[in-house]
N, C-alpha and C. Protein backbone atom coordinates (compact mmCIF):
# COMPACT_ATOMS: atom_id res chain seq x y z
N UNK A 1 0.84 -1.18 0.00
CA UNK A 1 0.00 0.00 0.00
C UNK A 1 0.89 1.25 0.00
N UNK A 2 0.57 2.16 -0.87
CA UNK A 2 1.28 3.45 -0.95
C UNK A 2 0.78 4.37 0.15
N UNK A 3 1.71 4.94 0.86
CA UNK A 3 1.35 5.86 1.94
C UNK A 3 1.54 7.30 1.46
N UNK A 4 0.56 8.13 1.75
CA UNK A 4 0.65 9.55 1.43
C UNK A 4 0.96 10.31 2.71
N UNK A 5 2.01 11.12 2.67
CA UNK A 5 2.39 11.94 3.82
C UNK A 5 2.19 13.40 3.43
N UNK A 6 1.39 14.08 4.23
CA UNK A 6 1.04 15.47 3.98
C UNK A 6 1.59 16.34 5.11
N UNK A 7 2.02 17.53 4.78
CA UNK A 7 2.45 18.49 5.79
C UNK A 7 1.36 19.54 5.94
N UNK A 8 1.09 19.92 7.19
CA UNK A 8 0.03 20.88 7.44
C UNK A 8 0.36 21.67 8.69
N UNK A 9 0.11 22.96 8.62
CA UNK A 9 0.30 23.79 9.81
C UNK A 9 -0.73 23.44 10.87
N UNK A 10 -0.31 23.39 12.10
CA UNK A 10 -1.20 23.04 13.22
C UNK A 10 -2.39 23.97 13.31
N UNK A 11 -2.24 25.18 12.81
CA UNK A 11 -3.29 26.19 12.93
C UNK A 11 -4.38 26.05 11.85
N UNK A 12 -4.13 25.20 10.87
CA UNK A 12 -5.15 24.94 9.85
C UNK A 12 -6.17 23.96 10.43
N UNK A 13 -7.44 24.11 10.08
CA UNK A 13 -8.45 23.20 10.64
C UNK A 13 -8.24 21.75 10.21
N UNK A 14 -8.61 20.83 11.08
CA UNK A 14 -8.53 19.41 10.75
C UNK A 14 -9.52 19.12 9.64
N UNK A 15 -9.18 18.13 8.83
CA UNK A 15 -10.01 17.73 7.71
C UNK A 15 -10.20 16.22 7.73
N UNK A 16 -11.31 15.77 7.19
CA UNK A 16 -11.58 14.33 7.13
C UNK A 16 -10.54 13.62 6.26
N UNK A 17 -9.87 14.34 5.38
CA UNK A 17 -8.88 13.74 4.49
C UNK A 17 -7.47 13.70 5.10
N UNK A 18 -7.32 14.19 6.34
CA UNK A 18 -6.00 14.23 6.98
C UNK A 18 -5.46 12.85 7.36
N UNK A 19 -6.33 11.89 7.51
CA UNK A 19 -5.87 10.58 7.97
C UNK A 19 -5.36 10.65 9.39
N UNK A 20 -4.24 9.99 9.65
CA UNK A 20 -3.63 9.94 10.98
C UNK A 20 -2.79 11.20 11.18
N UNK A 21 -3.14 12.00 12.18
CA UNK A 21 -2.50 13.30 12.41
C UNK A 21 -1.45 13.21 13.51
N UNK A 22 -0.22 13.62 13.16
CA UNK A 22 0.90 13.55 14.10
C UNK A 22 1.47 14.95 14.29
N UNK A 23 1.43 15.44 15.52
CA UNK A 23 2.05 16.73 15.84
C UNK A 23 3.49 16.45 16.22
N UNK A 24 4.44 17.09 15.53
CA UNK A 24 5.83 16.69 15.71
C UNK A 24 6.73 17.77 16.30
N UNK A 25 6.15 18.82 16.86
CA UNK A 25 6.96 19.84 17.53
C UNK A 25 7.09 19.52 19.02
N UNK A 26 8.13 20.05 19.62
CA UNK A 26 8.36 19.84 21.05
C UNK A 26 7.44 20.72 21.88
N UNK A 27 7.16 21.93 21.38
CA UNK A 27 6.36 22.90 22.12
C UNK A 27 4.92 22.91 21.61
N UNK A 28 3.99 23.09 22.53
CA UNK A 28 2.57 23.18 22.17
C UNK A 28 2.36 24.39 21.26
N UNK A 29 1.51 24.29 20.24
CA UNK A 29 1.29 25.44 19.35
C UNK A 29 0.62 26.61 20.08
N UNK A 30 1.29 27.71 20.09
CA UNK A 30 0.84 28.91 20.80
C UNK A 30 -0.56 29.30 20.37
N UNK A 31 -1.42 29.51 21.35
CA UNK A 31 -2.77 30.01 21.09
C UNK A 31 -3.81 28.95 20.80
N UNK A 32 -3.41 27.69 20.68
CA UNK A 32 -4.38 26.63 20.43
C UNK A 32 -4.73 25.93 21.74
N UNK A 33 -6.00 25.63 21.91
CA UNK A 33 -6.42 24.92 23.12
C UNK A 33 -6.37 23.42 22.90
N UNK A 34 -6.26 22.69 23.97
CA UNK A 34 -6.24 21.23 23.90
C UNK A 34 -7.59 20.69 23.41
N UNK A 35 -8.63 21.45 23.59
CA UNK A 35 -9.96 21.01 23.17
C UNK A 35 -10.17 21.16 21.66
N UNK A 36 -9.51 22.13 21.05
CA UNK A 36 -9.77 22.39 19.63
C UNK A 36 -8.71 21.85 18.68
N UNK A 37 -7.52 21.56 19.19
CA UNK A 37 -6.45 21.06 18.32
C UNK A 37 -6.53 19.54 18.27
N UNK A 38 -6.84 19.02 17.08
CA UNK A 38 -7.00 17.57 16.93
C UNK A 38 -5.71 16.94 16.40
N UNK A 39 -5.23 15.95 17.12
CA UNK A 39 -4.09 15.15 16.67
C UNK A 39 -4.28 13.74 17.21
N UNK A 40 -3.69 12.78 16.54
CA UNK A 40 -3.77 11.39 16.98
C UNK A 40 -2.54 10.98 17.79
N UNK A 41 -1.43 11.66 17.55
CA UNK A 41 -0.20 11.33 18.26
C UNK A 41 0.64 12.59 18.42
N UNK A 42 1.19 12.74 19.62
CA UNK A 42 2.17 13.80 19.87
C UNK A 42 3.23 13.21 20.78
N UNK A 43 4.43 13.07 20.26
CA UNK A 43 5.56 12.63 21.06
C UNK A 43 6.65 13.68 20.90
N UNK A 44 6.87 14.44 21.94
CA UNK A 44 7.84 15.53 21.92
C UNK A 44 9.24 15.06 21.54
N UNK A 45 9.53 13.78 21.81
CA UNK A 45 10.86 13.27 21.55
C UNK A 45 11.16 13.08 20.06
N UNK A 46 10.15 13.20 19.21
CA UNK A 46 10.37 13.14 17.77
C UNK A 46 10.95 14.47 17.27
N UNK A 47 10.65 15.53 17.97
CA UNK A 47 11.11 16.87 17.58
C UNK A 47 12.62 16.98 17.74
N UNK A 48 13.22 17.97 17.07
CA UNK A 48 14.66 18.20 17.27
C UNK A 48 14.95 18.51 18.74
N UNK A 49 16.15 18.20 19.16
CA UNK A 49 16.54 18.55 20.52
C UNK A 49 16.43 20.07 20.69
N UNK A 50 16.27 20.50 21.92
CA UNK A 50 16.17 21.93 22.19
C UNK A 50 17.41 22.66 21.69
N UNK A 51 18.57 22.06 21.88
CA UNK A 51 19.82 22.68 21.44
C UNK A 51 19.83 22.89 19.93
N UNK A 52 19.43 21.87 19.18
CA UNK A 52 19.43 21.97 17.73
C UNK A 52 18.39 23.00 17.26
N UNK A 53 17.22 22.97 17.87
CA UNK A 53 16.16 23.90 17.49
C UNK A 53 16.61 25.35 17.73
N UNK A 54 17.19 25.61 18.90
CA UNK A 54 17.63 26.96 19.21
C UNK A 54 18.78 27.41 18.31
N UNK A 55 19.69 26.50 17.99
CA UNK A 55 20.79 26.80 17.07
C UNK A 55 20.23 27.20 15.71
N UNK A 56 19.29 26.44 15.20
CA UNK A 56 18.69 26.74 13.89
C UNK A 56 17.95 28.08 13.90
N UNK A 57 17.15 28.32 14.92
CA UNK A 57 16.35 29.55 14.97
C UNK A 57 17.19 30.81 15.14
N UNK A 58 18.44 30.68 15.54
CA UNK A 58 19.32 31.84 15.65
C UNK A 58 19.68 32.41 14.28
N UNK A 59 19.64 31.58 13.23
CA UNK A 59 19.98 32.04 11.88
C UNK A 59 19.35 31.10 10.84
N UNK A 60 18.03 31.04 10.78
CA UNK A 60 17.37 30.06 9.91
C UNK A 60 17.66 30.25 8.42
N UNK A 61 17.93 31.46 7.99
CA UNK A 61 18.18 31.69 6.57
C UNK A 61 19.47 31.02 6.09
N UNK A 62 20.43 30.87 6.99
CA UNK A 62 21.73 30.32 6.59
C UNK A 62 22.01 28.93 7.15
N UNK A 63 21.13 28.41 7.98
CA UNK A 63 21.44 27.14 8.65
C UNK A 63 20.51 25.99 8.25
N UNK A 64 19.63 26.19 7.30
CA UNK A 64 18.65 25.16 6.98
C UNK A 64 19.30 23.84 6.56
N UNK A 65 20.23 23.87 5.62
CA UNK A 65 20.83 22.62 5.11
C UNK A 65 21.53 21.85 6.24
N UNK A 66 22.29 22.56 7.05
CA UNK A 66 22.99 21.89 8.14
C UNK A 66 22.01 21.41 9.21
N UNK A 67 20.98 22.21 9.47
CA UNK A 67 19.94 21.78 10.41
C UNK A 67 19.32 20.47 9.94
N UNK A 68 18.95 20.40 8.68
CA UNK A 68 18.30 19.19 8.14
C UNK A 68 19.21 17.98 8.31
N UNK A 69 20.49 18.13 8.04
CA UNK A 69 21.43 17.01 8.18
C UNK A 69 21.59 16.59 9.64
N UNK A 70 21.72 17.56 10.52
CA UNK A 70 21.86 17.25 11.95
C UNK A 70 20.60 16.58 12.50
N UNK A 71 19.44 17.08 12.06
CA UNK A 71 18.18 16.51 12.54
C UNK A 71 18.00 15.09 12.02
N UNK A 72 18.38 14.83 10.79
CA UNK A 72 18.31 13.46 10.26
C UNK A 72 19.20 12.52 11.09
N UNK A 73 20.36 13.01 11.48
CA UNK A 73 21.25 12.21 12.33
C UNK A 73 20.58 11.91 13.67
N UNK A 74 19.93 12.93 14.24
CA UNK A 74 19.20 12.71 15.50
C UNK A 74 18.10 11.67 15.32
N UNK A 75 17.35 11.79 14.24
CA UNK A 75 16.23 10.87 14.01
C UNK A 75 16.69 9.42 13.84
N UNK A 76 17.82 9.22 13.19
CA UNK A 76 18.34 7.87 12.98
C UNK A 76 18.66 7.16 14.30
N UNK A 77 18.98 7.94 15.33
CA UNK A 77 19.31 7.38 16.64
C UNK A 77 18.16 7.48 17.63
N UNK A 78 17.01 7.93 17.17
CA UNK A 78 15.90 8.29 18.04
C UNK A 78 14.89 7.14 18.18
N UNK A 79 14.75 6.64 19.38
CA UNK A 79 13.80 5.55 19.65
C UNK A 79 12.36 5.98 19.34
N UNK A 80 12.02 7.21 19.68
CA UNK A 80 10.66 7.70 19.42
C UNK A 80 10.36 7.71 17.92
N UNK A 81 11.36 8.04 17.11
CA UNK A 81 11.15 8.04 15.66
C UNK A 81 10.97 6.61 15.15
N UNK A 82 11.71 5.69 15.72
CA UNK A 82 11.55 4.28 15.36
C UNK A 82 10.13 3.79 15.69
N UNK A 83 9.64 4.17 16.86
CA UNK A 83 8.27 3.82 17.25
C UNK A 83 7.26 4.48 16.30
N UNK A 84 7.53 5.72 15.91
CA UNK A 84 6.65 6.41 14.97
C UNK A 84 6.54 5.65 13.66
N UNK A 85 7.67 5.22 13.12
CA UNK A 85 7.65 4.44 11.87
C UNK A 85 6.73 3.21 12.00
N UNK A 86 6.86 2.51 13.10
CA UNK A 86 6.03 1.33 13.34
C UNK A 86 4.57 1.71 13.46
N UNK A 87 4.29 2.77 14.17
CA UNK A 87 2.92 3.24 14.36
C UNK A 87 2.27 3.62 13.04
N UNK A 88 3.04 4.21 12.14
CA UNK A 88 2.48 4.69 10.88
C UNK A 88 2.36 3.60 9.81
N UNK A 89 2.98 2.47 10.04
CA UNK A 89 2.89 1.37 9.07
C UNK A 89 1.42 0.99 8.88
N UNK A 90 1.00 0.89 7.66
CA UNK A 90 -0.37 0.50 7.36
C UNK A 90 -1.36 1.66 7.31
N UNK A 91 -0.91 2.86 7.65
CA UNK A 91 -1.78 4.04 7.56
C UNK A 91 -1.66 4.60 6.14
N UNK A 92 -2.78 4.75 5.46
CA UNK A 92 -2.70 5.20 4.06
C UNK A 92 -2.41 6.69 3.94
N UNK A 93 -2.93 7.49 4.87
CA UNK A 93 -2.67 8.93 4.85
C UNK A 93 -2.20 9.37 6.23
N UNK A 94 -1.09 10.08 6.23
CA UNK A 94 -0.52 10.62 7.46
C UNK A 94 -0.32 12.12 7.25
N UNK A 95 -0.77 12.90 8.21
CA UNK A 95 -0.55 14.34 8.17
C UNK A 95 0.38 14.72 9.30
N UNK A 96 1.53 15.30 8.94
CA UNK A 96 2.49 15.78 9.92
C UNK A 96 2.17 17.24 10.20
N UNK A 97 1.90 17.53 11.44
CA UNK A 97 1.49 18.88 11.86
C UNK A 97 2.67 19.60 12.48
N UNK A 98 2.83 20.86 12.11
CA UNK A 98 3.92 21.69 12.63
C UNK A 98 3.37 23.08 12.90
N UNK A 99 4.07 23.86 13.73
CA UNK A 99 3.57 25.19 14.06
C UNK A 99 4.38 26.32 13.42
N UNK A 100 5.46 26.01 12.77
CA UNK A 100 6.31 27.03 12.14
C UNK A 100 5.53 27.84 11.09
N UNK A 101 5.95 29.09 10.92
CA UNK A 101 5.36 29.93 9.87
C UNK A 101 5.90 29.57 8.49
N UNK A 102 7.08 28.97 8.44
CA UNK A 102 7.75 28.66 7.17
C UNK A 102 7.41 27.24 6.74
N UNK A 103 6.62 27.09 5.67
CA UNK A 103 6.21 25.75 5.25
C UNK A 103 7.32 24.92 4.60
N UNK A 104 8.42 25.56 4.22
CA UNK A 104 9.48 24.85 3.52
C UNK A 104 10.70 24.53 4.38
N UNK A 105 10.80 25.19 5.53
CA UNK A 105 11.98 25.02 6.38
C UNK A 105 11.55 24.79 7.82
N UNK A 106 11.12 23.57 8.10
CA UNK A 106 10.71 23.20 9.45
C UNK A 106 10.95 21.71 9.64
N UNK A 107 10.87 21.26 10.88
CA UNK A 107 11.21 19.87 11.16
C UNK A 107 10.27 18.87 10.50
N UNK A 108 9.04 19.25 10.18
CA UNK A 108 8.12 18.33 9.50
C UNK A 108 8.64 17.95 8.12
N UNK A 109 9.27 18.89 7.45
CA UNK A 109 9.86 18.62 6.13
C UNK A 109 10.89 17.50 6.25
N UNK A 110 11.72 17.57 7.26
CA UNK A 110 12.78 16.57 7.46
C UNK A 110 12.16 15.23 7.86
N UNK A 111 11.19 15.23 8.75
CA UNK A 111 10.54 13.98 9.16
C UNK A 111 9.90 13.31 7.95
N UNK A 112 9.24 14.08 7.11
CA UNK A 112 8.63 13.52 5.91
C UNK A 112 9.68 12.87 5.02
N UNK A 113 10.81 13.54 4.81
CA UNK A 113 11.90 12.97 4.01
C UNK A 113 12.36 11.64 4.59
N UNK A 114 12.48 11.58 5.90
CA UNK A 114 12.96 10.36 6.55
C UNK A 114 11.92 9.23 6.47
N UNK A 115 10.66 9.57 6.47
CA UNK A 115 9.62 8.54 6.40
C UNK A 115 9.44 8.00 4.98
N UNK A 116 9.74 8.82 4.00
CA UNK A 116 9.58 8.40 2.61
C UNK A 116 10.80 7.66 2.17
């Protein structure tokens, strides 16, 4: 079975076509309540380490490529990511939710690359 992985901002409304929704940031999305934000799985340990996240956010325009490589290295050694792969097996549609304003340079992009 072919799996479709979609990226979506956490602030966009949930849709019936989202499939299994995974929030992959370490921090709760600012301004969203636990009652209104729908996700099926949130494991903070899938997110980049605090050190890596803070390093990237200090200069995101110039650090994206290195951030992506460092984060991939973290994910390869990450037990939570291994569990995520197992959890997602057999799911036809997976939506990775992120809170960043930048749709092209965030940890969901890297997680999607690693899952595909």
